[in-house]
Amino acid sequence: MERRPTYYAIRLGLVGSAFVGGWVAFFLVGDSWWTLLVAAVMAVTFAQVALVMHDVAHRQVFRLRRPTEIVGRVVGNAGIGLAYGWWQDKHTRHHANPNHEELDPDVAPDILVWSQRQARASRGLPRLIGKAQAFLFFPMLLLEGLNLHGSGVRALAKRSVKHRALEGGLLFGHFAAYLVALFAILPADKAFAFLAVHQALFGLYMGCIFAPNHKGMPTLTGDDRPDYLRRQVLTSRNVRGGALTDIALGGLNYQIEHHLFPSMPTPNLRAAQVIVRDYCAEIGVPYHETGLIASYREALRHLHHVGAPLRTADHSPDPA
């Protein structure tokens, strides 16, 4: 649980340099279709900034609330257009009750459904998409970047979001600066192309980071709330890999350990895994770990299984 100031100083420095470097490259490349390559690189950089915001929000970087909130809003709202207040509230509720259908906002039925119970109760677009959601999942992630921006804007209308004026000012300041830069440097066709590539790949990468963590793991309902350890371990999935996986997923591949110890600095999770895995084996609690591709396969298999009642309904004989 010890703090890692040197690690975070280096990581924030590298990610910050990559962020600034992306914008410098954007201005230097200018009116050229090579700018779409810059857009792809910046999509990765934006997601890495989001991962830094995640660690900051969990107080892995700063002990005190004030510097945590300042850096979180500068990095999130002003830096990448991701509302810190909205995300922090949503993510805190997720950590408290992961994969609980009534309490975890990450598995609330929206466009996708996460259990057959939700599928049977679905109406409209979720019911239509739910039939083929396993096939549509990755294509829909191309819209996740825009969804994250939009969710932050919509949350400004809620009283539960603190410092809404500040949050909104930084958020809309980012949007304005981003769009002015695009359309000032690029002609309209390239500007729209840059916007599409950048936001689509940002959303895809963000989805690929977070999808392996809980999708396809058991869901809970009603009063079904096991003790803290089981609630966190049984609903989470770890992803095996080396240093490249750790960097690509921002350490969230140690999802079980992260959920058990949310304020534990990311580089300590690998060491904690050995202790947690052995303890779970000792007390008979299933500890699920798989490779990255297998994790996506499990998530997609679950989504397809969830949509089964909707596909069955389409082939049921007309009662009339």
C-alpha atoms as a PDB file:
ATOM      1  CA  MET A   1       0.000   0.000   0.000  1.00  0.00           C
ATOM      2  CA  GLU A   2       3.043   2.320   0.067  1.00  0.00           C
ATOM      3  CA  ARG A   3       2.924   5.358  -2.224  1.00  0.00           C
ATOM      4  CA  ARG A   4       5.029   5.378  -5.405  1.00  0.00           C
ATOM      5  CA  PRO A   5       5.810   9.071  -6.034  1.00  0.00           C
ATOM      6  CA  THR A   6       8.760   8.378  -8.348  1.00  0.00           C
ATOM      7  CA  TYR A   7       6.710   5.998 -10.504  1.00  0.00           C
ATOM      8  CA  TYR A   8       3.859   8.479 -10.850  1.00  0.00           C
ATOM      9  CA  ALA A   9       6.193  11.402 -11.487  1.00  0.00           C
ATOM     10  CA  ILE A  10       7.718   9.464 -14.376  1.00  0.00           C
ATOM     11  CA  ARG A  11       4.377   8.160 -15.654  1.00  0.00           C
ATOM     12  CA  LEU A  12       2.647  11.548 -15.524  1.00  0.00           C
ATOM     13  CA  GLY A  13       5.672  13.097 -17.196  1.00  0.00           C
ATOM     14  CA  LEU A  14       5.696  10.554 -20.024  1.00  0.00           C
ATOM     15  CA  VAL A  15       1.943  10.656 -20.603  1.00  0.00           C
ATOM     16  CA  GLY A  16       1.935  14.455 -20.417  1.00  0.00           C
ATOM     17  CA  SER A  17       4.813  14.645 -22.896  1.00  0.00           C
ATOM     18  CA  ALA A  18       3.004  12.270 -25.265  1.00  0.00           C
ATOM     19  CA  PHE A  19      -0.149  14.384 -24.993  1.00  0.00           C
ATOM     20  CA  VAL A  20       1.698  17.618 -25.770  1.00  0.00           C
ATOM     21  CA  GLY A  21       3.725  15.866 -28.467  1.00  0.00           C
ATOM     22  CA  GLY A  22       0.542  14.711 -30.175  1.00  0.00           C
ATOM     23  CA  TRP A  23      -0.753  18.261 -30.441  1.00  0.00           C
ATOM     24  CA  VAL A  24       2.638  19.517 -31.645  1.00  0.00           C
ATOM     25  CA  ALA A  25       2.623  16.824 -34.348  1.00  0.00           C
ATOM     26  CA  PHE A  26      -0.925  17.843 -35.289  1.00  0.00           C
ATOM     27  CA  PHE A  27       0.139  21.451 -35.871  1.00  0.00           C
ATOM     28  CA  LEU A  28       3.345  20.477 -37.681  1.00  0.00           C
ATOM     29  CA  VAL A  29       1.680  17.980 -40.049  1.00  0.00           C
ATOM     30  CA  GLY A  30      -1.068  20.476 -40.798  1.00  0.00           C
ATOM     31  CA  ASP A  31      -3.122  20.208 -43.973  1.00  0.00           C
ATOM     32  CA  SER A  32      -2.233  16.659 -44.959  1.00  0.00           C
ATOM     33  CA  TRP A  33      -4.012  13.309 -44.855  1.00  0.00           C
ATOM     34  CA  TRP A  34      -1.105  12.118 -42.697  1.00  0.00           C
ATOM     35  CA  THR A  35      -2.972  13.935 -39.964  1.00  0.00           C
ATOM     36  CA  LEU A  36      -5.177  10.841 -39.639  1.00  0.00           C
ATOM     37  CA  LEU A  37      -2.136   8.923 -38.396  1.00  0.00           C
ATOM     38  CA  VAL A  38      -1.689  11.666 -35.800  1.00  0.00           C
ATOM     39  CA  ALA A  39      -5.367  11.213 -34.874  1.00  0.00           C
ATOM     40  CA  ALA A  40      -4.796   7.493 -34.273  1.00  0.00           C
ATOM     41  CA  VAL A  41      -1.756   8.149 -32.075  1.00  0.00           C
ATOM     42  CA  MET A  42      -3.642  10.825 -30.139  1.00  0.00           C
ATOM     43  CA  ALA A  43      -6.497   8.391 -29.516  1.00  0.00           C
ATOM     44  CA  VAL A  44      -4.045   6.157 -27.660  1.00  0.00           C
ATOM     45  CA  THR A  45      -2.611   9.149 -25.813  1.00  0.00           C
ATOM     46  CA  PHE A  46      -6.075  10.353 -24.717  1.00  0.00           C
ATOM     47  CA  ALA A  47      -6.862   6.879 -23.338  1.00  0.00           C
ATOM     48  CA  GLN A  48      -3.578   6.852 -21.430  1.00  0.00           C
ATOM     49  CA  VAL A  49      -4.493  10.243 -19.963  1.00  0.00           C
ATOM     50  CA  ALA A  50      -7.840   8.727 -18.910  1.00  0.00           C
ATOM     51  CA  LEU A  51      -5.973   5.908 -17.164  1.00  0.00           C
ATOM     52  CA  VAL A  52      -3.911   8.475 -15.270  1.00  0.00           C
ATOM     53  CA  MET A  53      -7.146  10.230 -14.258  1.00  0.00           C
ATOM     54  CA  HIS A  54      -8.414   6.860 -13.007  1.00  0.00           C
ATOM     55  CA  ASP A  55      -5.416   6.428 -10.708  1.00  0.00           C
ATOM     56  CA  VAL A  56      -5.644  10.026  -9.516  1.00  0.00           C
ATOM     57  CA  ALA A  57      -9.359   9.640  -8.701  1.00  0.00           C
ATOM     58  CA  HIS A  58      -8.576   6.572  -6.576  1.00  0.00           C
ATOM     59  CA  ARG A  59      -6.044   8.642  -4.590  1.00  0.00           C
ATOM     60  CA  GLN A  60      -3.219   6.428  -5.679  1.00  0.00           C
ATOM     61  CA  VAL A  61      -1.189   9.516  -6.557  1.00  0.00           C
ATOM     62  CA  PHE A  62      -2.140  12.130  -3.923  1.00  0.00           C
ATOM     63  CA  ARG A  63      -3.335  11.474  -0.391  1.00  0.00           C
ATOM     64  CA  LEU A  64      -5.363  14.684  -0.060  1.00  0.00           C
ATOM     65  CA  ARG A  65      -8.677  15.393  -1.748  1.00  0.00           C
ATOM     66  CA  ARG A  66      -7.886  18.905  -2.999  1.00  0.00           C
ATOM     67  CA  PRO A  67      -4.855  18.102  -5.200  1.00  0.00           C
ATOM     68  CA  THR A  68      -6.668  14.949  -6.346  1.00  0.00           C
ATOM     69  CA  GLU A  69      -9.675  16.942  -7.556  1.00  0.00           C
ATOM     70  CA  ILE A  70      -7.567  19.696  -9.117  1.00  0.00           C
ATOM     71  CA  VAL A  71      -5.432  17.285 -11.135  1.00  0.00           C
ATOM     72  CA  GLY A  72      -8.459  15.107 -11.946  1.00  0.00           C
ATOM     73  CA  ARG A  73     -10.374  18.030 -13.434  1.00  0.00           C
ATOM     74  CA  VAL A  74      -7.392  19.472 -15.287  1.00  0.00           C
ATOM     75  CA  VAL A  75      -6.460  16.084 -16.751  1.00  0.00           C
ATOM     76  CA  GLY A  76     -10.020  14.894 -17.374  1.00  0.00           C
ATOM     77  CA  ASN A  77     -12.278  17.864 -18.132  1.00  0.00           C
ATOM     78  CA  ALA A  78      -9.740  20.258 -19.639  1.00  0.00           C
ATOM     79  CA  GLY A  79      -7.333  17.692 -21.067  1.00  0.00           C
ATOM     80  CA  ILE A  80      -9.491  15.101 -22.810  1.00  0.00           C
ATOM     81  CA  GLY A  81     -13.099  16.236 -22.328  1.00  0.00           C
ATOM     82  CA  LEU A  82     -13.945  13.499 -19.821  1.00  0.00           C
ATOM     83  CA  ALA A  83     -15.929  14.898 -16.881  1.00  0.00           C
ATOM     84  CA  TYR A  84     -14.110  14.057 -13.653  1.00  0.00           C
ATOM     85  CA  GLY A  85     -17.090  14.654 -11.336  1.00  0.00           C
ATOM     86  CA  TRP A  86     -19.476  12.482 -13.345  1.00  0.00           C
ATOM     87  CA  TRP A  87     -16.938   9.694 -13.821  1.00  0.00           C
ATOM     88  CA  GLN A  88     -15.761   9.684 -10.211  1.00  0.00           C
ATOM     89  CA  ASP A  89     -19.337   9.367  -8.892  1.00  0.00           C
ATOM     90  CA  LYS A  90     -20.196   6.620 -11.380  1.00  0.00           C
ATOM     91  CA  HIS A  91     -16.972   4.715 -10.782  1.00  0.00           C
ATOM     92  CA  THR A  92     -17.317   4.878  -6.997  1.00  0.00           C
ATOM     93  CA  ARG A  93     -20.775   3.278  -7.220  1.00  0.00           C
ATOM     94  CA  HIS A  94     -19.353   0.608  -9.520  1.00  0.00           C
ATOM     95  CA  HIS A  95     -16.607  -0.260  -7.033  1.00  0.00           C
ATOM     96  CA  ALA A  96     -19.071  -0.521  -4.163  1.00  0.00           C
ATOM     97  CA  ASN A  97     -21.288  -3.041  -5.983  1.00  0.00           C
ATOM     98  CA  PRO A  98     -19.562  -4.448  -9.073  1.00  0.00           C
ATOM     99  CA  ASN A  99     -21.847  -6.256 -11.524  1.00  0.00           C
ATOM    100  CA  HIS A 100     -24.941  -5.686  -9.365  1.00  0.00           C
ATOM    101  CA  GLU A 101     -27.751  -5.099 -11.840  1.00  0.00           C
ATOM    102  CA  GLU A 102     -29.564  -2.534  -9.673  1.00  0.00           C
ATOM    103  CA  LEU A 103     -26.581  -0.826  -8.034  1.00  0.00           C
ATOM    104  CA  ASP A 104     -23.708  -0.861 -10.544  1.00  0.00           C
ATOM    105  CA  PRO A 105     -24.203   1.814 -13.250  1.00  0.00           C
ATOM    106  CA  ASP A 106     -21.813  -0.088 -15.526  1.00  0.00           C
ATOM    107  CA  VAL A 107     -24.319  -2.933 -15.956  1.00  0.00           C
ATOM    108  CA  ALA A 108     -27.486  -0.854 -16.027  1.00  0.00           C
ATOM    109  CA  PRO A 109     -29.509  -1.740 -19.146  1.00  0.00           C
ATOM    110  CA  ASP A 110     -29.040   1.064 -21.613  1.00  0.00           C
ATOM    111  CA  ILE A 111     -28.209   0.217 -25.220  1.00  0.00           C
ATOM    112  CA  LEU A 112     -26.783  -3.169 -24.231  1.00  0.00           C
ATOM    113  CA  VAL A 113     -28.271  -5.695 -21.806  1.00  0.00           C
ATOM    114  CA  TRP A 114     -26.079  -7.650 -19.409  1.00  0.00           C
ATOM    115  CA  SER A 115     -28.328 -10.484 -18.207  1.00  0.00           C
ATOM    116  CA  GLN A 116     -31.203 -12.526 -19.587  1.00  0.00           C
ATOM    117  CA  ARG A 117     -33.396 -10.911 -16.947  1.00  0.00           C
ATOM    118  CA  GLN A 118     -32.604  -7.492 -18.416  1.00  0.00           C
ATOM    119  CA  ALA A 119     -33.063  -8.844 -21.935  1.00  0.00           C
ATOM    120  CA  ARG A 120     -36.586 -10.113 -21.212  1.00  0.00           C
ATOM    121  CA  ALA A 121     -37.550  -6.746 -19.711  1.00  0.00           C
ATOM    122  CA  SER A 122     -35.986  -4.691 -22.518  1.00  0.00           C
ATOM    123  CA  ARG A 123     -37.978  -2.621 -24.981  1.00  0.00           C
ATOM    124  CA  GLY A 124     -37.195  -0.550 -28.047  1.00  0.00           C
ATOM    125  CA  LEU A 125     -33.587  -0.143 -29.200  1.00  0.00           C
ATOM    126  CA  PRO A 126     -31.968  -2.295 -26.456  1.00  0.00           C
ATOM    127  CA  ARG A 127     -34.313  -5.146 -27.372  1.00  0.00           C
ATOM    128  CA  LEU A 128     -33.459  -4.791 -31.041  1.00  0.00           C
ATOM    129  CA  ILE A 129     -29.706  -4.527 -30.496  1.00  0.00           C
ATOM    130  CA  GLY A 130     -29.706  -7.192 -27.784  1.00  0.00           C
ATOM    131  CA  LYS A 131     -30.427  -9.917 -30.305  1.00  0.00           C
ATOM    132  CA  ALA A 132     -27.059  -9.408 -31.997  1.00  0.00           C
ATOM    133  CA  GLN A 133     -25.159  -7.424 -29.364  1.00  0.00           C
ATOM    134  CA  ALA A 134     -22.192  -9.793 -29.318  1.00  0.00           C
ATOM    135  CA  PHE A 135     -21.586  -9.021 -32.999  1.00  0.00           C
ATOM    136  CA  LEU A 136     -22.246  -5.307 -32.552  1.00  0.00           C
ATOM    137  CA  PHE A 137     -20.197  -4.796 -29.395  1.00  0.00           C
ATOM    138  CA  PHE A 138     -16.851  -3.790 -30.910  1.00  0.00           C
ATOM    139  CA  PRO A 139     -18.381  -1.707 -33.743  1.00  0.00           C
ATOM    140  CA  MET A 140     -20.454   0.139 -31.122  1.00  0.00           C
ATOM    141  CA  LEU A 141     -17.306   0.922 -29.147  1.00  0.00           C
ATOM    142  CA  LEU A 142     -16.375   3.256 -31.995  1.00  0.00           C
ATOM    143  CA  LEU A 143     -19.086   5.547 -30.580  1.00  0.00           C
ATOM    144  CA  GLU A 144     -17.978   5.186 -26.956  1.00  0.00           C
ATOM    145  CA  GLY A 145     -15.743   8.251 -27.067  1.00  0.00           C
ATOM    146  CA  LEU A 146     -18.675  10.473 -28.022  1.00  0.00           C
ATOM    147  CA  ASN A 147     -20.810   8.721 -25.414  1.00  0.00           C
ATOM    148  CA  LEU A 148     -18.269   9.502 -22.671  1.00  0.00           C
ATOM    149  CA  HIS A 149     -18.219  13.168 -23.648  1.00  0.00           C
ATOM    150  CA  GLY A 150     -22.014  13.315 -23.845  1.00  0.00           C
ATOM    151  CA  SER A 151     -22.502  11.582 -20.501  1.00  0.00           C
ATOM    152  CA  GLY A 152     -20.326  14.171 -18.807  1.00  0.00           C
ATOM    153  CA  VAL A 153     -22.342  17.009 -20.340  1.00  0.00           C
ATOM    154  CA  ARG A 154     -25.676  15.439 -19.358  1.00  0.00           C
ATOM    155  CA  ALA A 155     -24.439  14.947 -15.800  1.00  0.00           C
ATOM    156  CA  LEU A 156     -24.054  18.721 -15.395  1.00  0.00           C
ATOM    157  CA  ALA A 157     -27.829  18.892 -14.962  1.00  0.00           C
ATOM    158  CA  LYS A 158     -27.655  16.685 -11.855  1.00  0.00           C
ATOM    159  CA  ARG A 159     -27.312  18.208  -8.404  1.00  0.00           C
ATOM    160  CA  SER A 160     -25.221  15.237  -7.295  1.00  0.00           C
ATOM    161  CA  VAL A 161     -22.291  16.566  -9.371  1.00  0.00           C
ATOM    162  CA  LYS A 162     -20.214  18.950  -7.264  1.00  0.00           C
ATOM    163  CA  HIS A 163     -18.820  22.230  -8.618  1.00  0.00           C
ATOM    164  CA  ARG A 164     -20.942  22.033 -11.738  1.00  0.00           C
ATOM    165  CA  ALA A 165     -19.928  25.484 -12.986  1.00  0.00           C
ATOM    166  CA  LEU A 166     -16.242  24.600 -12.791  1.00  0.00           C
ATOM    167  CA  GLU A 167     -16.813  21.171 -14.302  1.00  0.00           C
ATOM    168  CA  GLY A 168     -18.855  22.625 -17.137  1.00  0.00           C
ATOM    169  CA  GLY A 169     -16.460  25.505 -17.798  1.00  0.00           C
ATOM    170  CA  LEU A 170     -13.468  23.194 -18.139  1.00  0.00           C
ATOM    171  CA  LEU A 171     -15.436  20.670 -20.184  1.00  0.00           C
ATOM    172  CA  PHE A 172     -16.832  23.147 -22.702  1.00  0.00           C
ATOM    173  CA  GLY A 173     -13.474  24.935 -22.749  1.00  0.00           C
ATOM    174  CA  HIS A 174     -11.918  21.679 -23.936  1.00  0.00           C
ATOM    175  CA  PHE A 175     -14.571  21.136 -26.608  1.00  0.00           C
ATOM    176  CA  ALA A 176     -14.179  24.703 -27.880  1.00  0.00           C
ATOM    177  CA  ALA A 177     -10.371  24.587 -28.000  1.00  0.00           C
ATOM    178  CA  TYR A 178     -10.417  21.141 -29.628  1.00  0.00           C
ATOM    179  CA  LEU A 179     -12.828  22.144 -32.407  1.00  0.00           C
ATOM    180  CA  VAL A 180     -11.172  25.528 -32.998  1.00  0.00           C
ATOM    181  CA  ALA A 181      -7.797  23.804 -33.394  1.00  0.00           C
ATOM    182  CA  LEU A 182      -9.206  21.251 -35.840  1.00  0.00           C
ATOM    183  CA  PHE A 183     -11.030  23.687 -38.089  1.00  0.00           C
ATOM    184  CA  ALA A 184      -8.357  26.393 -37.887  1.00  0.00           C
ATOM    185  CA  ILE A 185      -5.564  24.084 -39.028  1.00  0.00           C
ATOM    186  CA  LEU A 186      -7.434  21.696 -41.328  1.00  0.00           C
ATOM    187  CA  PRO A 187      -9.948  22.189 -44.135  1.00  0.00           C
ATOM    188  CA  ALA A 188     -13.430  20.928 -43.317  1.00  0.00           C
ATOM    189  CA  ASP A 189     -13.061  17.494 -44.935  1.00  0.00           C
ATOM    190  CA  LYS A 190      -9.828  16.660 -43.116  1.00  0.00           C
ATOM    191  CA  ALA A 191     -11.116  18.185 -39.873  1.00  0.00           C
ATOM    192  CA  PHE A 192     -14.195  15.951 -39.875  1.00  0.00           C
ATOM    193  CA  ALA A 193     -12.070  12.950 -40.834  1.00  0.00           C
ATOM    194  CA  PHE A 194      -9.645  13.684 -37.976  1.00  0.00           C
ATOM    195  CA  LEU A 195     -12.565  14.050 -35.549  1.00  0.00           C
ATOM    196  CA  ALA A 196     -14.075  10.737 -36.669  1.00  0.00           C
ATOM    197  CA  VAL A 197     -10.817   8.754 -36.509  1.00  0.00           C
ATOM    198  CA  HIS A 198      -9.668  10.278 -33.230  1.00  0.00           C
ATOM    199  CA  GLN A 199     -12.930   9.855 -31.337  1.00  0.00           C
ATOM    200  CA  ALA A 200     -13.719   6.426 -32.812  1.00  0.00           C
ATOM    201  CA  LEU A 201     -10.330   4.941 -31.909  1.00  0.00           C
ATOM    202  CA  PHE A 202     -10.368   6.642 -28.502  1.00  0.00           C
ATOM    203  CA  GLY A 203     -13.721   4.997 -27.749  1.00  0.00           C
ATOM    204  CA  LEU A 204     -12.577   1.633 -29.096  1.00  0.00           C
ATOM    205  CA  TYR A 205      -9.409   1.667 -27.012  1.00  0.00           C
ATOM    206  CA  MET A 206     -11.282   2.745 -23.861  1.00  0.00           C
ATOM    207  CA  GLY A 207     -13.778  -0.065 -24.364  1.00  0.00           C
ATOM    208  CA  CYS A 208     -11.014  -2.594 -24.922  1.00  0.00           C
ATOM    209  CA  ILE A 209      -9.382  -1.482 -21.656  1.00  0.00           C
ATOM    210  CA  PHE A 210     -12.494  -1.816 -19.504  1.00  0.00           C
ATOM    211  CA  ALA A 211     -14.394  -4.666 -21.202  1.00  0.00           C
ATOM    212  CA  PRO A 212     -12.167  -7.505 -19.916  1.00  0.00           C
ATOM    213  CA  ASN A 213     -12.594  -6.453 -16.280  1.00  0.00           C
ATOM    214  CA  HIS A 214     -16.160  -7.582 -15.501  1.00  0.00           C
ATOM    215  CA  LYS A 215     -18.092  -8.338 -18.687  1.00  0.00           C
ATOM    216  CA  GLY A 216     -19.069 -11.990 -18.711  1.00  0.00           C
ATOM    217  CA  MET A 217     -18.494 -12.441 -14.989  1.00  0.00           C
ATOM    218  CA  PRO A 218     -21.397 -13.298 -12.621  1.00  0.00           C
ATOM    219  CA  THR A 219     -23.985 -10.575 -12.024  1.00  0.00           C
ATOM    220  CA  LEU A 220     -25.849  -9.949  -8.779  1.00  0.00           C
ATOM    221  CA  THR A 221     -29.430  -8.837  -8.141  1.00  0.00           C
ATOM    222  CA  GLY A 222     -31.631  -7.728  -5.253  1.00  0.00           C
ATOM    223  CA  ASP A 223     -30.282  -8.602  -1.807  1.00  0.00           C
ATOM    224  CA  ASP A 224     -27.649 -10.905  -3.280  1.00  0.00           C
ATOM    225  CA  ARG A 225     -24.606  -9.198  -1.760  1.00  0.00           C
ATOM    226  CA  PRO A 226     -21.837 -11.536  -0.577  1.00  0.00           C
ATOM    227  CA  ASP A 227     -19.084 -10.341   1.732  1.00  0.00           C
ATOM    228  CA  TYR A 228     -16.611  -7.747   0.480  1.00  0.00           C
ATOM    229  CA  LEU A 229     -13.923 -10.162  -0.669  1.00  0.00           C
ATOM    230  CA  ARG A 230     -16.285 -12.432  -2.583  1.00  0.00           C
ATOM    231  CA  ARG A 231     -18.234  -9.491  -3.984  1.00  0.00           C
ATOM    232  CA  GLN A 232     -15.041  -8.107  -5.526  1.00  0.00           C
ATOM    233  CA  VAL A 233     -13.262 -11.313  -6.522  1.00  0.00           C
ATOM    234  CA  LEU A 234     -16.167 -13.293  -7.978  1.00  0.00           C
ATOM    235  CA  THR A 235     -17.303 -10.454 -10.255  1.00  0.00           C
ATOM    236  CA  SER A 236     -13.833  -9.501 -11.548  1.00  0.00           C
ATOM    237  CA  ARG A 237     -11.446 -11.011 -14.079  1.00  0.00           C
ATOM    238  CA  ASN A 238      -7.681 -10.639 -14.282  1.00  0.00           C
ATOM    239  CA  VAL A 239      -5.836 -10.585 -17.596  1.00  0.00           C
ATOM    240  CA  ARG A 240      -2.486 -12.321 -17.852  1.00  0.00           C
ATOM    241  CA  GLY A 241       0.413 -10.638 -19.620  1.00  0.00           C
ATOM    242  CA  GLY A 242       3.725  -8.916 -19.271  1.00  0.00           C
ATOM    243  CA  ALA A 243       4.898  -5.326 -19.197  1.00  0.00           C
ATOM    244  CA  LEU A 244       3.209  -4.483 -22.530  1.00  0.00           C
ATOM    245  CA  THR A 245      -0.181  -5.647 -21.196  1.00  0.00           C
ATOM    246  CA  ASP A 246       0.362  -3.639 -18.013  1.00  0.00           C
ATOM    247  CA  ILE A 247       1.039  -0.499 -20.061  1.00  0.00           C
ATOM    248  CA  ALA A 248      -1.773  -1.058 -22.578  1.00  0.00           C
ATOM    249  CA  LEU A 249      -4.387  -1.701 -19.880  1.00  0.00           C
ATOM    250  CA  GLY A 250      -2.960   0.738 -17.368  1.00  0.00           C
ATOM    251  CA  GLY A 251      -2.594  -1.928 -14.690  1.00  0.00           C
ATOM    252  CA  LEU A 252      -6.324  -2.672 -14.758  1.00  0.00           C
ATOM    253  CA  ASN A 253      -5.467  -6.180 -15.907  1.00  0.00           C
ATOM    254  CA  TYR A 254      -5.003  -6.799 -12.149  1.00  0.00           C
ATOM    255  CA  GLN A 255      -8.681  -6.024 -11.709  1.00  0.00           C
ATOM    256  CA  ILE A 256      -9.240  -8.324  -8.730  1.00  0.00           C
ATOM    257  CA  GLU A 257      -6.466  -6.727  -6.700  1.00  0.00           C
ATOM    258  CA  HIS A 258      -7.534  -3.250  -7.803  1.00  0.00           C
ATOM    259  CA  HIS A 259     -11.075  -3.875  -6.602  1.00  0.00           C
ATOM    260  CA  LEU A 260      -9.915  -5.243  -3.281  1.00  0.00           C
ATOM    261  CA  PHE A 261      -7.485  -2.354  -2.737  1.00  0.00           C
ATOM    262  CA  PRO A 262      -8.662   0.618  -4.885  1.00  0.00           C
ATOM    263  CA  SER A 263      -6.104   3.067  -3.486  1.00  0.00           C
ATOM    264  CA  MET A 264      -3.155   0.708  -3.997  1.00  0.00           C
ATOM    265  CA  PRO A 265      -0.724   2.246  -6.530  1.00  0.00           C
ATOM    266  CA  THR A 266      -0.873   0.489  -9.881  1.00  0.00           C
ATOM    267  CA  PRO A 267       2.736  -0.807  -9.900  1.00  0.00           C
ATOM    268  CA  ASN A 268       2.112  -2.621  -6.591  1.00  0.00           C
ATOM    269  CA  LEU A 269      -0.788  -4.685  -7.924  1.00  0.00           C
ATOM    270  CA  ARG A 270       1.450  -7.325  -9.545  1.00  0.00           C
ATOM    271  CA  ALA A 271       3.094  -8.057  -6.174  1.00  0.00           C
ATOM    272  CA  ALA A 272      -0.262  -8.105  -4.391  1.00  0.00           C
ATOM    273  CA  GLN A 273      -1.613 -10.615  -6.921  1.00  0.00           C
ATOM    274  CA  VAL A 274       0.554 -13.428  -5.548  1.00  0.00           C
ATOM    275  CA  ILE A 275      -0.797 -12.912  -2.028  1.00  0.00           C
ATOM    276  CA  VAL A 276      -4.440 -12.532  -3.100  1.00  0.00           C
ATOM    277  CA  ARG A 277      -4.404 -15.520  -5.458  1.00  0.00           C
ATOM    278  CA  ASP A 278      -2.878 -17.795  -2.819  1.00  0.00           C
ATOM    279  CA  TYR A 279      -5.336 -16.613  -0.168  1.00  0.00           C
ATOM    280  CA  CYS A 280      -8.327 -17.195  -2.457  1.00  0.00           C
ATOM    281  CA  ALA A 281      -7.074 -20.740  -3.119  1.00  0.00           C
ATOM    282  CA  GLU A 282      -6.667 -21.279   0.613  1.00  0.00           C
ATOM    283  CA  ILE A 283     -10.274 -20.292   1.456  1.00  0.00           C
ATOM    284  CA  GLY A 284     -11.837 -21.799  -1.677  1.00  0.00           C
ATOM    285  CA  VAL A 285     -12.864 -18.610  -3.500  1.00  0.00           C
ATOM    286  CA  PRO A 286     -12.646 -18.931  -7.324  1.00  0.00           C
ATOM    287  CA  TYR A 287     -10.020 -16.594  -8.767  1.00  0.00           C
ATOM    288  CA  HIS A 288     -10.467 -16.050 -12.503  1.00  0.00           C
ATOM    289  CA  GLU A 289      -7.547 -15.115 -14.735  1.00  0.00           C
ATOM    290  CA  THR A 290      -7.204 -15.462 -18.474  1.00  0.00           C
ATOM    291  CA  GLY A 291      -5.407 -14.057 -21.508  1.00  0.00           C
ATOM    292  CA  LEU A 292      -6.500 -10.832 -23.197  1.00  0.00           C
ATOM    293  CA  ILE A 293      -8.036 -12.424 -26.311  1.00  0.00           C
ATOM    294  CA  ALA A 294      -9.736 -15.074 -24.168  1.00  0.00           C
ATOM    295  CA  SER A 295     -11.201 -12.328 -21.981  1.00  0.00           C
ATOM    296  CA  TYR A 296     -12.843 -10.714 -25.008  1.00  0.00           C
ATOM    297  CA  ARG A 297     -14.067 -14.133 -26.140  1.00  0.00           C
ATOM    298  CA  GLU A 298     -15.661 -14.744 -22.740  1.00  0.00           C
ATOM    299  CA  ALA A 299     -17.312 -11.316 -22.756  1.00  0.00           C
ATOM    300  CA  LEU A 300     -18.720 -11.794 -26.257  1.00  0.00           C
ATOM    301  CA  ARG A 301     -19.917 -15.308 -25.438  1.00  0.00           C
ATOM    302  CA  HIS A 302     -21.761 -13.894 -22.433  1.00  0.00           C
ATOM    303  CA  LEU A 303     -23.355 -11.109 -24.492  1.00  0.00           C
ATOM    304  CA  HIS A 304     -24.536 -13.665 -27.045  1.00  0.00           C
ATOM    305  CA  HIS A 305     -25.960 -15.880 -24.297  1.00  0.00           C
ATOM    306  CA  VAL A 306     -27.772 -12.902 -22.762  1.00  0.00           C
ATOM    307  CA  GLY A 307     -29.483 -12.146 -26.075  1.00  0.00           C
ATOM    308  CA  ALA A 308     -30.810 -15.705 -26.454  1.00  0.00           C
ATOM    309  CA  PRO A 309     -34.336 -14.968 -25.085  1.00  0.00           C
ATOM    310  CA  LEU A 310     -34.723 -12.159 -27.607  1.00  0.00           C
ATOM    311  CA  ARG A 311     -33.696 -14.356 -30.534  1.00  0.00           C
ATOM    312  CA  THR A 312     -35.971 -17.152 -29.273  1.00  0.00           C
ATOM    313  CA  ALA A 313     -38.896 -14.731 -29.116  1.00  0.00           C
ATOM    314  CA  ASP A 314     -38.392 -13.900 -32.788  1.00  0.00           C
ATOM    315  CA  HIS A 315     -38.772 -17.571 -33.729  1.00  0.00           C
ATOM    316  CA  SER A 316     -41.675 -18.370 -31.403  1.00  0.00           C
ATOM    317  CA  PRO A 317     -44.930 -19.250 -33.174  1.00  0.00           C
ATOM    318  CA  ASP A 318     -47.512 -16.475 -33.343  1.00  0.00           C
ATOM    319  CA  PRO A 319     -50.090 -17.233 -30.601  1.00  0.00           C
ATOM    320  CA  ALA A 320     -52.791 -15.921 -32.896  1.00  0.00           C
END
